[in-house]
């Protein structure tokens, strides 16, 4: 098991602690996302009074690239969601004690939501070169299978 959840949950022990103690991992909306006070009901019908949510605390731009075959330019342009997925899959294999997975008939299925990074890339006219097509969420299972040499269905 490997995971990243709100409340800085990065391992099974922390996850169990949250479940066992009924802890709520809700937090105020980080100003790095947007300034929630700028969108309150004083704006009329377009405002909202949401002040809290569930957010990952990790810097999604960080990835220990030593473990992966991606070129640096490709990693820079890769969707942070994909970078984090690669990292979590590696941790999951390590936590399971798996060492003989390369070339195995292991299937890879990925469920995802959100294409913010893809939309941002489509708007950036200055980007060219490799990596931009790898940001489509439909390629995530293929990217994981390629990176870890998994030969099963995806």
Protein backbone atom coordinates (compact mmCIF):
# COMPACT_ATOMS: atom_id res chain seq x y z
CA UNK A 1 0.00 0.00 0.00
CA UNK A 2 1.17 3.50 -0.76
CA UNK A 3 -0.84 6.68 -0.75
CA UNK A 4 -1.04 10.46 -0.58
CA UNK A 5 -4.06 11.89 1.20
CA UNK A 6 -5.03 15.21 2.78
CA UNK A 7 -3.68 15.81 6.26
CA UNK A 8 -0.13 14.85 5.22
CA UNK A 9 -1.05 11.17 5.12
CA UNK A 10 1.80 9.41 3.32
CA UNK A 11 1.77 5.92 4.81
CA UNK A 12 -0.59 3.21 6.08
CA UNK A 13 0.17 3.88 9.77
CA UNK A 14 -0.86 7.52 9.54
CA UNK A 15 -3.93 6.57 7.52
CA UNK A 16 -4.94 4.02 10.17
CA UNK A 17 -4.41 6.61 12.92
CA UNK A 18 -6.78 9.03 11.16
CA UNK A 19 -9.42 6.32 10.71
CA UNK A 20 -9.07 4.87 14.20
CA UNK A 21 -9.24 8.25 15.95
CA UNK A 22 -11.88 9.72 13.64
CA UNK A 23 -9.64 12.66 12.83
CA UNK A 24 -10.84 15.10 10.18
CA UNK A 25 -8.10 16.13 7.74
CA UNK A 26 -9.96 19.20 6.55
CA UNK A 27 -7.96 22.42 6.44
CA UNK A 28 -8.40 26.02 5.40
CA UNK A 29 -7.97 26.66 1.71
CA UNK A 30 -4.27 27.39 1.17
CA UNK A 31 -3.54 30.80 -0.28
CA UNK A 32 -1.30 29.00 -2.77
CA UNK A 33 -4.52 27.69 -4.37
CA UNK A 34 -6.50 30.92 -4.28
CA UNK A 35 -7.49 33.63 -1.84
CA UNK A 36 -10.89 32.41 -0.62
CA UNK A 37 -11.71 35.77 0.97
CA UNK A 38 -11.72 37.34 -2.47
CA UNK A 39 -14.70 35.25 -3.54
CA UNK A 40 -17.14 35.64 -0.66
CA UNK A 41 -20.84 36.63 -0.88
CA UNK A 42 -19.99 40.33 -1.08
CA UNK A 43 -19.47 39.62 -4.79
CA UNK A 44 -23.16 38.82 -5.16
CA UNK A 45 -24.37 35.68 -6.90
CA UNK A 46 -20.85 34.81 -8.11
CA UNK A 47 -19.37 34.53 -4.62
CA UNK A 48 -19.22 31.58 -2.28
CA UNK A 49 -18.61 31.05 1.42
CA UNK A 50 -16.30 28.07 1.26
CA UNK A 51 -13.30 28.35 3.58
CA UNK A 52 -12.18 24.73 3.99
CA UNK A 53 -11.37 21.69 1.91
CA UNK A 54 -9.17 18.63 1.67
CA UNK A 55 -5.78 19.39 0.17
CA UNK A 56 -2.53 17.53 -0.33
CA UNK A 57 0.26 19.20 1.59
CA UNK A 58 3.11 17.87 -0.52
CA UNK A 59 4.86 19.93 -3.17
CA UNK A 60 3.73 18.17 -6.34
CA UNK A 61 6.62 19.66 -8.27
CA UNK A 62 9.11 17.55 -6.29
CA UNK A 63 10.07 14.10 -7.48
CA UNK A 64 13.14 12.02 -6.83
CA UNK A 65 13.96 11.48 -10.50
CA UNK A 66 16.78 9.05 -9.70
CA UNK A 67 14.33 6.13 -9.74
CA UNK A 68 12.78 6.89 -13.12
CA UNK A 69 13.85 6.80 -16.75
CA UNK A 70 12.29 10.15 -17.68
CA UNK A 71 14.51 12.87 -19.11
CA UNK A 72 14.63 16.09 -17.10
CA UNK A 73 12.72 18.06 -19.78
CA UNK A 74 10.01 15.41 -19.77
CA UNK A 75 9.74 15.51 -15.97
CA UNK A 76 9.48 19.32 -16.01
CA UNK A 77 6.52 19.15 -18.37
CA UNK A 78 4.87 16.09 -16.90
CA UNK A 79 1.59 16.53 -15.07
CA UNK A 80 2.34 16.67 -11.30
CA UNK A 81 -0.42 14.09 -10.91
CA UNK A 82 1.59 11.69 -13.08
CA UNK A 83 4.86 12.43 -11.27
CA UNK A 84 3.19 11.69 -7.96
CA UNK A 85 1.57 8.54 -9.34
CA UNK A 86 4.98 7.21 -10.41
CA UNK A 87 6.35 7.89 -6.96
CA UNK A 88 3.42 6.23 -5.18
CA UNK A 89 3.56 3.15 -7.44
CA UNK A 90 7.29 2.77 -6.68
CA UNK A 91 6.57 3.05 -2.93
CA UNK A 92 3.74 0.53 -3.22
CA UNK A 93 6.00 -2.02 -4.90
CA UNK A 94 8.68 -1.42 -2.26
CA UNK A 95 6.19 -1.72 0.62
CA UNK A 96 4.88 -4.98 -0.84
CA UNK A 97 8.42 -6.36 -1.06
CA UNK A 98 8.04 -6.84 -4.81
CA UNK A 99 11.35 -7.14 -6.63
CA UNK A 100 10.55 -9.28 -9.67
CA UNK A 101 7.87 -7.09 -11.26
CA UNK A 102 9.83 -5.90 -14.32
CA UNK A 103 8.64 -7.80 -17.40
CA UNK A 104 5.85 -9.51 -15.45
CA UNK A 105 2.26 -9.91 -16.59
CA UNK A 106 1.10 -7.33 -14.04
CA UNK A 107 -1.93 -5.25 -14.99
CA UNK A 108 -2.09 -1.52 -14.37
CA UNK A 109 -5.35 0.38 -13.97
CA UNK A 110 -5.51 4.06 -13.06
CA UNK A 111 -8.55 6.09 -12.10
CA UNK A 112 -8.06 9.83 -12.26
CA UNK A 113 -9.99 13.05 -12.12
CA UNK A 114 -9.05 16.51 -13.21
CA UNK A 115 -7.23 17.76 -16.26
CA UNK A 116 -6.05 21.15 -14.99
CA UNK A 117 -2.45 20.57 -16.07
CA UNK A 118 -3.53 19.53 -19.55
CA UNK A 119 -5.67 22.65 -19.92
CA UNK A 120 -2.78 24.85 -18.75
CA UNK A 121 -0.46 23.24 -21.29
CA UNK A 122 -2.90 23.81 -24.13
CA UNK A 123 -2.92 27.53 -23.26
CA UNK A 124 0.87 27.88 -23.21
CA UNK A 125 1.97 28.81 -26.75
CA UNK A 126 5.66 28.88 -25.80
CA UNK A 127 5.94 25.20 -24.96
CA UNK A 128 7.23 22.93 -27.65
CA UNK A 129 9.07 19.66 -27.76
CA UNK A 130 8.52 16.38 -25.96
CA UNK A 131 6.38 15.66 -23.00
CA UNK A 132 3.22 17.64 -23.69
CA UNK A 133 1.25 14.66 -24.99
CA UNK A 134 2.12 12.64 -21.88
CA UNK A 135 -0.13 14.86 -19.80
CA UNK A 136 -3.35 13.27 -21.01
CA UNK A 137 -4.92 11.28 -18.19
CA UNK A 138 -5.68 8.40 -20.54
CA UNK A 139 -1.94 7.73 -20.79
CA UNK A 140 -1.31 7.39 -17.04
CA UNK A 141 -1.66 3.59 -16.88
CA UNK A 142 0.53 3.27 -19.97
CA UNK A 143 3.14 5.58 -18.47
CA UNK A 144 3.28 3.52 -15.26
CA UNK A 145 3.43 0.26 -17.23
CA UNK A 146 6.26 1.62 -19.39
CA UNK A 147 8.23 2.99 -16.45
CA UNK A 148 8.04 -0.24 -14.43
CA UNK A 149 8.06 -2.59 -17.47
CA UNK A 150 4.71 -4.13 -16.61
CA UNK A 151 3.45 -6.32 -19.48
CA UNK A 152 -0.12 -6.99 -18.32
CA UNK A 153 -3.34 -5.26 -19.38
CA UNK A 154 -3.88 -1.56 -18.84
